[in-house]
């Protein structure tokens, strides 16, 4: 898919954050992104177009692992109820995603959270594959930088040929910024989300650490472009920092934090 088409899709998704689409077609599909900082619900129509997006701040998930089952289920239940009220339809099935290399038991826990919240049938997919459901990269590296980890998938001729992840993501950048500014981690997260490039110099070591993980996980695929998904590297200049550090072409997208949630919903049955 062209960068222009992806940008258009993500802008459309952004417009439907807590604002329901009224011209949707066919059955609706639901995705739940159990993130480290936020839990996101995304509803798409039969054509994969965004219909409704909402989120709730939660600390119930850490690095893709459910650390507070009750809080995670409560967040999903709340988001589900709000979406159903806005769309005037019951949401029965859903998909959710997990970091590439967490254990089978932890990935199943993500399913149990959704079932506890009232979903009958739950599809599981890794976060990188979910991101590429939106990006549709045929030959390239898809990088999902989450709150706690960086997932990397190599796609060649449309096939996923390598998949792995490493610790380090948005939360680690928040810790660096909080220490430098003398503020709380939550306040640092808000500063980072403001989208200002003022903190790039402070965060450069953390961004380059993520770049180092990308380099280690893409040996033999250095000829492929890097495609960034996730909100952690939406800071202006972060993509250029990664590009210069690795000497590789990097593609960043607007509203990149919506790439994976949208792809998760498109995986739902």
Protein backbone atom coordinates (compact mmCIF):
# COMPACT_ATOMS: atom_id res chain seq x y z
CA UNK A 1 0.00 0.00 0.00
CA UNK A 2 1.28 3.48 -0.83
CA UNK A 3 2.36 5.84 1.93
CA UNK A 4 -0.35 8.28 0.81
CA UNK A 5 -3.07 5.64 1.15
CA UNK A 6 -1.80 4.59 4.58
CA UNK A 7 -1.74 8.21 5.74
CA UNK A 8 -5.30 8.67 4.49
CA UNK A 9 -6.47 5.55 6.34
CA UNK A 10 -4.79 6.61 9.58
CA UNK A 11 -6.20 10.13 9.35
CA UNK A 12 -9.63 8.59 8.84
CA UNK A 13 -9.08 6.43 11.91
CA UNK A 14 -8.00 9.47 13.92
CA UNK A 15 -11.24 11.24 12.98
CA UNK A 16 -13.26 8.39 14.50
CA UNK A 17 -11.71 8.51 17.96
CA UNK A 18 -14.86 8.75 20.08
CA UNK A 19 -16.79 9.80 16.98
CA UNK A 20 -18.76 6.99 15.33
CA UNK A 21 -18.90 6.48 11.58
CA UNK A 22 -22.51 6.34 10.40
CA UNK A 23 -21.99 5.04 6.86
CA UNK A 24 -20.36 1.71 7.71
CA UNK A 25 -21.03 -1.42 5.66
CA UNK A 26 -21.67 -5.02 6.72
CA UNK A 27 -20.76 -6.75 9.96
CA UNK A 28 -18.52 -4.97 12.43
CA UNK A 29 -15.24 -6.39 13.73
CA UNK A 30 -13.55 -5.44 16.99
CA UNK A 31 -9.92 -5.24 18.04
CA UNK A 32 -8.57 -4.76 21.55
CA UNK A 33 -4.99 -3.55 21.95
CA UNK A 34 -3.86 -4.32 25.51
CA UNK A 35 -1.03 -1.83 25.67
CA UNK A 36 1.35 -0.95 28.49
CA UNK A 37 0.05 2.63 28.79
CA UNK A 38 -3.41 2.39 27.23
CA UNK A 39 -6.08 -0.13 26.31
CA UNK A 40 -7.54 0.66 22.88
CA UNK A 41 -10.75 -0.60 21.28
CA UNK A 42 -11.08 -0.33 17.50
CA UNK A 43 -14.18 -1.25 15.53
CA UNK A 44 -14.03 -1.62 11.74
CA UNK A 45 -16.64 -2.49 9.15
CA UNK A 46 -16.57 -5.37 6.66
CA UNK A 47 -14.29 -3.35 4.38
CA UNK A 48 -11.84 -2.71 7.23
CA UNK A 49 -12.73 0.98 7.50
CA UNK A 50 -12.53 2.48 11.00
CA UNK A 51 -15.93 2.95 12.62
CA UNK A 52 -15.11 3.67 16.28
CA UNK A 53 -11.94 4.06 18.34
CA UNK A 54 -11.68 4.65 22.06
CA UNK A 55 -9.05 4.16 24.75
CA UNK A 56 -8.60 3.95 28.48
CA UNK A 57 -5.44 4.58 30.49
CA UNK A 58 -4.41 1.45 32.34
CA UNK A 59 -1.36 -0.04 34.00
CA UNK A 60 -2.78 -3.56 33.99
CA UNK A 61 -0.43 -4.75 31.24
CA UNK A 62 3.35 -4.71 31.36
CA UNK A 63 5.41 -5.68 28.32
CA UNK A 64 2.46 -7.63 26.94
CA UNK A 65 1.99 -9.58 30.16
CA UNK A 66 -1.23 -9.23 32.15
CA UNK A 67 -0.15 -8.14 35.64
CA UNK A 68 -3.61 -7.08 36.90
CA UNK A 69 -6.26 -9.31 35.34
CA UNK A 70 -9.22 -7.63 37.05
CA UNK A 71 -8.14 -4.13 36.01
CA UNK A 72 -7.47 -5.23 32.43
CA UNK A 73 -10.86 -6.93 32.15
CA UNK A 74 -12.57 -3.88 33.68
CA UNK A 75 -10.94 -1.56 31.14
CA UNK A 76 -12.00 -3.77 28.23
CA UNK A 77 -15.51 -4.16 29.64
CA UNK A 78 -15.86 -0.37 29.96
CA UNK A 79 -14.64 0.26 26.41
CA UNK A 80 -16.89 -2.48 25.03
CA UNK A 81 -19.98 -1.06 26.78
CA UNK A 82 -19.29 2.46 25.53
CA UNK A 83 -18.77 1.28 21.95
CA UNK A 84 -21.96 -0.78 22.03
CA UNK A 85 -23.94 2.19 23.32
CA UNK A 86 -22.55 4.50 20.63
CA UNK A 87 -22.98 2.02 17.78
CA UNK A 88 -26.24 0.54 19.07
CA UNK A 89 -25.04 -3.00 18.41
CA UNK A 90 -23.69 -5.87 20.51
CA UNK A 91 -20.02 -6.64 19.91
CA UNK A 92 -19.61 -10.40 20.20
CA UNK A 93 -16.24 -11.39 18.72
CA UNK A 94 -12.88 -9.65 18.89
CA UNK A 95 -9.17 -9.98 18.23
CA UNK A 96 -6.27 -9.03 20.47
CA UNK A 97 -2.51 -9.04 20.05
CA UNK A 98 0.60 -9.93 22.02
CA UNK A 99 4.33 -9.12 21.68
CA UNK A 100 6.09 -11.65 19.42
CA UNK A 101 8.07 -13.53 22.03
CA UNK A 102 5.99 -13.73 25.18
CA UNK A 103 5.13 -17.23 26.35
CA UNK A 104 2.07 -19.15 25.27
CA UNK A 105 0.50 -18.86 28.73
CA UNK A 106 0.82 -15.07 28.70
CA UNK A 107 -0.67 -14.79 25.22
CA UNK A 108 -3.60 -16.94 26.35
CA UNK A 109 -4.08 -14.59 29.31
CA UNK A 110 -4.83 -11.82 26.80
CA UNK A 111 -7.61 -13.97 25.39
CA UNK A 112 -8.98 -14.67 28.87
CA UNK A 113 -9.14 -10.92 29.58
CA UNK A 114 -11.39 -10.39 26.56
CA UNK A 115 -13.54 -13.39 27.39
CA UNK A 116 -13.96 -12.12 30.94
CA UNK A 117 -15.05 -8.76 29.49
CA UNK A 118 -17.86 -10.42 27.53
CA UNK A 119 -16.45 -11.39 24.13
CA UNK A 120 -17.44 -14.88 22.98
CA UNK A 121 -14.81 -15.67 20.35
CA UNK A 122 -11.32 -14.17 20.54
CA UNK A 123 -8.64 -14.26 17.84
CA UNK A 124 -4.98 -13.96 18.86
CA UNK A 125 -2.32 -12.41 16.62
CA UNK A 126 1.18 -11.10 17.21
CA UNK A 127 1.53 -7.30 17.24
CA UNK A 128 3.86 -7.08 14.25
CA UNK A 129 1.53 -9.07 12.00
CA UNK A 130 -1.33 -6.89 13.22
CA UNK A 131 0.62 -3.75 12.31
CA UNK A 132 1.28 -5.10 8.85
CA UNK A 133 -2.42 -5.75 8.36
CA UNK A 134 -2.62 -1.96 8.16
CA UNK A 135 0.66 -1.21 6.40
CA UNK A 136 0.57 -4.13 3.91
CA UNK A 137 4.36 -4.16 3.55
CA UNK A 138 5.40 -6.69 0.91
CA UNK A 139 9.17 -6.36 1.25
CA UNK A 140 10.37 -4.53 4.33
CA UNK A 141 10.78 -4.53 8.08
CA UNK A 142 7.78 -3.69 10.28
CA UNK A 143 8.68 -2.37 13.72
CA UNK A 144 6.07 -2.08 16.45
CA UNK A 145 7.48 0.06 19.24
CA UNK A 146 5.19 -0.42 22.20
CA UNK A 147 5.35 0.78 25.76
CA UNK A 148 7.58 -2.01 27.00
CA UNK A 149 9.14 -3.74 24.00
CA UNK A 150 10.10 -3.37 20.36
CA UNK A 151 8.74 -6.04 18.02
CA UNK A 152 10.44 -6.54 14.66
CA UNK A 153 9.16 -8.55 11.70
CA UNK A 154 10.90 -9.07 8.35
CA UNK A 155 8.58 -9.43 5.37
CA UNK A 156 9.80 -10.74 2.02
CA UNK A 157 7.45 -11.27 -0.93
CA UNK A 158 4.58 -10.75 1.47
CA UNK A 159 5.70 -13.52 3.83
CA UNK A 160 6.83 -13.07 7.43
CA UNK A 161 10.32 -14.59 7.40
CA UNK A 162 11.63 -13.46 10.80
CA UNK A 163 9.94 -12.29 13.99
CA UNK A 164 11.39 -11.30 17.34
CA UNK A 165 11.30 -8.58 19.97
CA UNK A 166 13.51 -6.92 22.54
CA UNK A 167 12.82 -5.06 25.79
CA UNK A 168 12.72 -1.30 25.45
CA UNK A 169 10.02 1.05 24.25
CA UNK A 170 7.98 4.08 25.14
CA UNK A 171 8.03 3.47 28.90
CA UNK A 172 11.81 3.45 28.91
CA UNK A 173 11.84 6.77 27.06
CA UNK A 174 9.45 8.13 29.69
CA UNK A 175 11.88 7.08 32.44
CA UNK A 176 14.73 8.92 30.72
CA UNK A 177 12.64 12.06 30.26
CA UNK A 178 11.27 11.95 33.80
CA UNK A 179 14.77 11.75 35.25
CA UNK A 180 16.05 14.59 33.10
CA UNK A 181 13.13 16.93 33.80
CA UNK A 182 12.56 15.98 37.43
CA UNK A 183 8.92 15.08 36.83
CA UNK A 184 6.84 11.94 37.31
CA UNK A 185 6.76 9.22 34.66
CA UNK A 186 3.13 10.09 33.94
CA UNK A 187 4.04 13.75 33.41
CA UNK A 188 6.93 12.72 31.16
CA UNK A 189 4.54 10.65 29.08
CA UNK A 190 2.29 13.68 28.63
CA UNK A 191 5.27 15.81 27.60
CA UNK A 192 6.28 13.21 25.04
CA UNK A 193 2.73 12.89 23.71
CA UNK A 194 2.58 16.65 23.17
CA UNK A 195 4.63 15.95 20.06
CA UNK A 196 7.34 18.54 20.63
CA UNK A 197 10.83 17.95 19.32
CA UNK A 198 12.26 19.87 22.29
CA UNK A 199 13.11 16.63 24.09
CA UNK A 200 14.80 14.85 21.20
CA UNK A 201 18.32 15.50 22.49
CA UNK A 202 17.40 14.10 25.91
CA UNK A 203 15.78 11.02 24.43
CA UNK A 204 18.39 10.34 21.75
CA UNK A 205 20.24 7.64 23.78
CA UNK A 206 16.97 5.78 24.39
CA UNK A 207 15.95 6.08 20.74
CA UNK A 208 19.36 4.81 19.64
CA UNK A 209 18.99 1.88 22.04
CA UNK A 210 15.79 0.98 20.18
CA UNK A 211 17.78 1.39 16.96
CA UNK A 212 20.39 -1.04 18.28
CA UNK A 213 17.66 -3.63 18.91
CA UNK A 214 16.37 -3.12 15.37
CA UNK A 215 19.87 -3.63 13.97
CA UNK A 216 20.38 -6.84 15.95
CA UNK A 217 17.03 -8.26 14.86
CA UNK A 218 17.40 -7.46 11.16
CA UNK A 219 20.84 -8.82 10.34
CA UNK A 220 20.72 -10.10 6.78
CA UNK A 221 17.83 -7.78 5.94
CA UNK A 222 19.76 -4.51 5.89
CA UNK A 223 18.59 -3.82 2.32
CA UNK A 224 14.95 -3.52 3.40
CA UNK A 225 13.22 -0.30 4.44
CA UNK A 226 12.12 0.10 8.06
CA UNK A 227 8.45 0.91 8.75
CA UNK A 228 7.68 2.38 12.19
CA UNK A 229 4.43 1.61 14.01
CA UNK A 230 3.39 2.50 17.55
CA UNK A 231 3.24 5.75 19.45
CA UNK A 232 6.63 5.59 21.20
CA UNK A 233 8.60 7.05 18.26
CA UNK A 234 6.08 9.68 17.14
CA UNK A 235 8.34 12.35 18.63
CA UNK A 236 9.40 14.69 15.79
CA UNK A 237 12.86 13.69 14.60
CA UNK A 238 12.81 10.19 16.10
CA UNK A 239 12.58 8.56 12.67
CA UNK A 240 15.51 10.63 11.41
CA UNK A 241 17.52 9.66 14.50
CA UNK A 242 16.90 5.97 13.80
CA UNK A 243 17.73 6.45 10.12
CA UNK A 244 21.04 8.18 10.81
CA UNK A 245 21.99 5.73 13.56
CA UNK A 246 21.43 2.71 11.32
CA UNK A 247 22.23 4.26 7.94
CA UNK A 248 18.94 2.94 6.59
CA UNK A 249 15.77 4.30 5.08
CA UNK A 250 13.01 4.71 7.66
CA UNK A 251 9.34 5.30 6.91
CA UNK A 252 7.25 6.97 9.59
CA UNK A 253 3.50 7.50 9.44
CA UNK A 254 1.06 10.04 10.92
CA UNK A 255 -1.00 8.76 13.85
CA UNK A 256 1.35 5.76 14.05
CA UNK A 257 -0.11 4.74 17.40
CA UNK A 258 -3.27 3.66 15.51
CA UNK A 259 -1.49 1.32 13.09
CA UNK A 260 -1.51 -1.77 15.30
CA UNK A 261 -4.98 -1.26 16.87
CA UNK A 262 -6.50 -0.91 13.40
CA UNK A 263 -4.72 -4.04 12.19
CA UNK A 264 -5.88 -6.02 15.23
CA UNK A 265 -9.51 -5.20 14.43
CA UNK A 266 -9.02 -6.29 10.82
CA UNK A 267 -7.87 -9.70 12.08
CA UNK A 268 -11.11 -10.28 14.01
CA UNK A 269 -13.60 -12.83 12.75
